[in-house]
Amino acid sequence: CKFSVVTSKVSTGSYKRQVYEVPSGKQLVDQAVIDRITWATWTSVLGDEVIGIWSRHAEKADVNCACVSHSGINLVTGDDFGMVKLFDFPCPEKFVRISFCMVTAPNTVDIRIFSHFSR
């Protein structure tokens, strides 16, 4: 795989998504450039593509982690309440329907989808 620009996405404690060129470390601020990036992986809870992961009563800090499947069609999240939820990706509309939900231990802080996963 060749990339003309390698980038990294960072989610800050103030709930802002920042994008940097790698290895220069230069922050990208041009939204038109950022919108054209095709991400190899997605593990961020921030961005227009994942607005629908929060329920009506959730606070920003309630959703801790996310991961998009390698096929790019599913998103799984983990939250403070031990809920692991499966969504269609992208989910840019608020309060989207959950495809699947299961309860694990409280405070799920990291989650991944294996490459052979399909719904």
C-alpha atoms as a PDB file:
ATOM      1  CA  CYS A   1       0.000   0.000   0.000  1.00  0.00           C
ATOM      2  CA  LYS A   2       1.357   3.422  -0.906  1.00  0.00           C
ATOM      3  CA  PHE A   3       0.223   6.669   0.603  1.00  0.00           C
ATOM      4  CA  SER A   4       0.981  10.117  -0.765  1.00  0.00           C
ATOM      5  CA  VAL A   5       0.449  11.568   2.715  1.00  0.00           C
ATOM      6  CA  VAL A   6       0.394   9.505   5.870  1.00  0.00           C
ATOM      7  CA  THR A   7      -1.773  11.054   8.562  1.00  0.00           C
ATOM      8  CA  SER A   8      -2.732  10.434  12.155  1.00  0.00           C
ATOM      9  CA  LYS A   9      -5.984  11.438  13.843  1.00  0.00           C
ATOM     10  CA  VAL A  10      -5.986  12.464  17.506  1.00  0.00           C
ATOM     11  CA  SER A  11      -8.979  12.958  19.782  1.00  0.00           C
ATOM     12  CA  THR A  12      -8.245  15.451  22.532  1.00  0.00           C
ATOM     13  CA  GLY A  13      -9.585  15.727  26.057  1.00  0.00           C
ATOM     14  CA  SER A  14     -11.582  18.745  24.914  1.00  0.00           C
ATOM     15  CA  TYR A  15     -13.349  16.500  22.364  1.00  0.00           C
ATOM     16  CA  LYS A  16     -11.725  17.976  19.287  1.00  0.00           C
ATOM     17  CA  ARG A  17     -10.461  15.897  16.388  1.00  0.00           C
ATOM     18  CA  GLN A  18      -7.009  16.924  15.181  1.00  0.00           C
ATOM     19  CA  VAL A  19      -5.216  15.521  12.139  1.00  0.00           C
ATOM     20  CA  TYR A  20      -1.433  15.468  11.674  1.00  0.00           C
ATOM     21  CA  GLU A  21       0.926  14.542   8.848  1.00  0.00           C
ATOM     22  CA  VAL A  22       3.320  11.743   9.674  1.00  0.00           C
ATOM     23  CA  PRO A  23       6.275  11.880  10.252  1.00  0.00           C
ATOM     24  CA  SER A  24       6.521  15.698  10.067  1.00  0.00           C
ATOM     25  CA  GLY A  25       3.969  16.242  12.849  1.00  0.00           C
ATOM     26  CA  LYS A  26       2.438  19.174  10.954  1.00  0.00           C
ATOM     27  CA  GLN A  27      -1.207  19.684  11.903  1.00  0.00           C
ATOM     28  CA  LEU A  28      -3.649  19.689   8.989  1.00  0.00           C
ATOM     29  CA  VAL A  29      -6.272  22.401   9.389  1.00  0.00           C
ATOM     30  CA  ASP A  30      -7.751  22.621   5.869  1.00  0.00           C
ATOM     31  CA  GLN A  31     -11.092  20.803   6.224  1.00  0.00           C
ATOM     32  CA  ALA A  32     -11.278  20.144   2.471  1.00  0.00           C
ATOM     33  CA  VAL A  33      -7.966  18.249   2.676  1.00  0.00           C
ATOM     34  CA  ILE A  34      -9.065  16.333   5.780  1.00  0.00           C
ATOM     35  CA  ASP A  35     -12.379  15.368   4.141  1.00  0.00           C
ATOM     36  CA  ARG A  36     -10.514  13.737   1.232  1.00  0.00           C
ATOM     37  CA  ILE A  37      -8.476  11.434   3.488  1.00  0.00           C
ATOM     38  CA  THR A  38      -9.347   7.741   3.315  1.00  0.00           C
ATOM     39  CA  TRP A  39      -8.502   6.292   6.711  1.00  0.00           C
ATOM     40  CA  ALA A  40      -6.896   2.843   6.865  1.00  0.00           C
ATOM     41  CA  THR A  41      -8.402   2.357  10.333  1.00  0.00           C
ATOM     42  CA  TRP A  42     -10.900   4.239  12.486  1.00  0.00           C
ATOM     43  CA  THR A  43     -10.820   4.121  16.281  1.00  0.00           C
ATOM     44  CA  SER A  44     -12.136   7.570  17.112  1.00  0.00           C
ATOM     45  CA  VAL A  45     -15.364   8.473  18.888  1.00  0.00           C
ATOM     46  CA  LEU A  46     -15.207  11.928  17.296  1.00  0.00           C
ATOM     47  CA  GLY A  47     -16.193  13.122  13.846  1.00  0.00           C
ATOM     48  CA  ASP A  48     -19.168  13.725  11.612  1.00  0.00           C
ATOM     49  CA  GLU A  49     -19.096  10.050  10.620  1.00  0.00           C
ATOM     50  CA  VAL A  50     -19.947   8.865  14.169  1.00  0.00           C
ATOM     51  CA  ILE A  51     -22.431  11.426  15.493  1.00  0.00           C
ATOM     52  CA  GLY A  52     -25.050   8.686  15.885  1.00  0.00           C
ATOM     53  CA  ILE A  53     -23.167   6.660  18.506  1.00  0.00           C
ATOM     54  CA  TRP A  54     -24.464   8.692  21.440  1.00  0.00           C
ATOM     55  CA  SER A  55     -27.889   8.004  22.905  1.00  0.00           C
ATOM     56  CA  ARG A  56     -30.187  10.899  23.745  1.00  0.00           C
ATOM     57  CA  HIS A  57     -29.045  11.001  27.383  1.00  0.00           C
ATOM     58  CA  ALA A  58     -25.333  10.215  26.957  1.00  0.00           C
ATOM     59  CA  GLU A  59     -22.570  12.660  27.739  1.00  0.00           C
ATOM     60  CA  LYS A  60     -19.472  12.917  25.541  1.00  0.00           C
ATOM     61  CA  ALA A  61     -17.339  11.073  28.077  1.00  0.00           C
ATOM     62  CA  ASP A  62     -19.733   8.088  28.208  1.00  0.00           C
ATOM     63  CA  VAL A  63     -18.515   6.538  24.925  1.00  0.00           C
ATOM     64  CA  ASN A  64     -14.894   5.481  25.425  1.00  0.00           C
ATOM     65  CA  CYS A  65     -13.841   3.621  22.313  1.00  0.00           C
ATOM     66  CA  ALA A  66     -14.815   2.765  18.760  1.00  0.00           C
ATOM     67  CA  CYS A  67     -13.547   0.641  15.905  1.00  0.00           C
ATOM     68  CA  VAL A  68     -14.651   0.391  12.275  1.00  0.00           C
ATOM     69  CA  SER A  69     -14.499  -3.019  10.587  1.00  0.00           C
ATOM     70  CA  HIS A  70     -11.928  -3.552   7.837  1.00  0.00           C
ATOM     71  CA  SER A  71     -14.768  -3.634   5.314  1.00  0.00           C
ATOM     72  CA  GLY A  72     -15.777  -0.150   6.501  1.00  0.00           C
ATOM     73  CA  ILE A  73     -19.459  -0.965   6.968  1.00  0.00           C
ATOM     74  CA  ASN A  74     -19.702  -1.692  10.718  1.00  0.00           C
ATOM     75  CA  LEU A  75     -18.739   0.294  13.806  1.00  0.00           C
ATOM     76  CA  VAL A  76     -18.510  -1.126  17.315  1.00  0.00           C
ATOM     77  CA  THR A  77     -18.342   1.050  20.439  1.00  0.00           C
ATOM     78  CA  GLY A  78     -17.688   0.517  24.149  1.00  0.00           C
ATOM     79  CA  ASP A  79     -18.946   2.771  26.920  1.00  0.00           C
ATOM     80  CA  ASP A  80     -18.867   3.511  30.650  1.00  0.00           C
ATOM     81  CA  PHE A  81     -21.906   1.303  31.268  1.00  0.00           C
ATOM     82  CA  GLY A  82     -20.315  -1.870  29.888  1.00  0.00           C
ATOM     83  CA  MET A  83     -22.361  -1.744  26.698  1.00  0.00           C
ATOM     84  CA  VAL A  84     -20.802  -2.934  23.442  1.00  0.00           C
ATOM     85  CA  LYS A  85     -22.887  -1.630  20.536  1.00  0.00           C
ATOM     86  CA  LEU A  86     -22.785  -2.374  16.828  1.00  0.00           C
ATOM     87  CA  PHE A  87     -23.765   0.311  14.310  1.00  0.00           C
ATOM     88  CA  ASP A  88     -23.743   0.688  10.554  1.00  0.00           C
ATOM     89  CA  PHE A  89     -20.853   2.923   9.451  1.00  0.00           C
ATOM     90  CA  PRO A  90     -20.917   5.777   8.829  1.00  0.00           C
ATOM     91  CA  CYS A  91     -23.645   6.907  11.219  1.00  0.00           C
ATOM     92  CA  PRO A  92     -23.804  10.690  10.679  1.00  0.00           C
ATOM     93  CA  GLU A  93     -27.376  11.140  11.946  1.00  0.00           C
ATOM     94  CA  LYS A  94     -28.113  11.602  15.653  1.00  0.00           C
ATOM     95  CA  PHE A  95     -29.579   8.716  17.657  1.00  0.00           C
ATOM     96  CA  VAL A  96     -29.243   5.991  15.012  1.00  0.00           C
ATOM     97  CA  ARG A  97     -30.609   2.487  15.550  1.00  0.00           C
ATOM     98  CA  ILE A  98     -28.244   0.029  17.227  1.00  0.00           C
ATOM     99  CA  SER A  99     -27.771  -3.163  15.189  1.00  0.00           C
ATOM    100  CA  PHE A 100     -26.641  -5.253  18.173  1.00  0.00           C
ATOM    101  CA  CYS A 101     -25.877  -4.646  21.830  1.00  0.00           C
ATOM    102  CA  MET A 102     -24.345  -6.727  24.601  1.00  0.00           C
ATOM    103  CA  VAL A 103     -23.320  -6.019  28.187  1.00  0.00           C
ATOM    104  CA  THR A 104     -19.743  -6.553  29.372  1.00  0.00           C
ATOM    105  CA  ALA A 105     -17.819  -5.267  32.380  1.00  0.00           C
ATOM    106  CA  PRO A 106     -18.285  -1.573  33.242  1.00  0.00           C
ATOM    107  CA  ASN A 107     -15.990   0.997  31.641  1.00  0.00           C
ATOM    108  CA  THR A 108     -15.108  -0.682  28.344  1.00  0.00           C
ATOM    109  CA  VAL A 109     -12.043   1.331  27.309  1.00  0.00           C
ATOM    110  CA  ASP A 110     -10.783  -0.440  24.179  1.00  0.00           C
ATOM    111  CA  ILE A 111     -12.431  -2.502  21.472  1.00  0.00           C
ATOM    112  CA  ARG A 112     -11.513  -4.019  18.087  1.00  0.00           C
ATOM    113  CA  ILE A 113     -13.229  -5.879  15.259  1.00  0.00           C
ATOM    114  CA  PHE A 114     -11.300  -8.778  13.748  1.00  0.00           C
ATOM    115  CA  SER A 115     -10.852  -8.673   9.976  1.00  0.00           C
ATOM    116  CA  HIS A 116     -13.003 -11.764   9.373  1.00  0.00           C
ATOM    117  CA  PHE A 117     -16.018 -10.135  11.039  1.00  0.00           C
ATOM    118  CA  SER A 118     -19.117  -9.667   8.910  1.00  0.00           C
ATOM    119  CA  ARG A 119     -22.737  -9.194   9.732  1.00  0.00           C
END
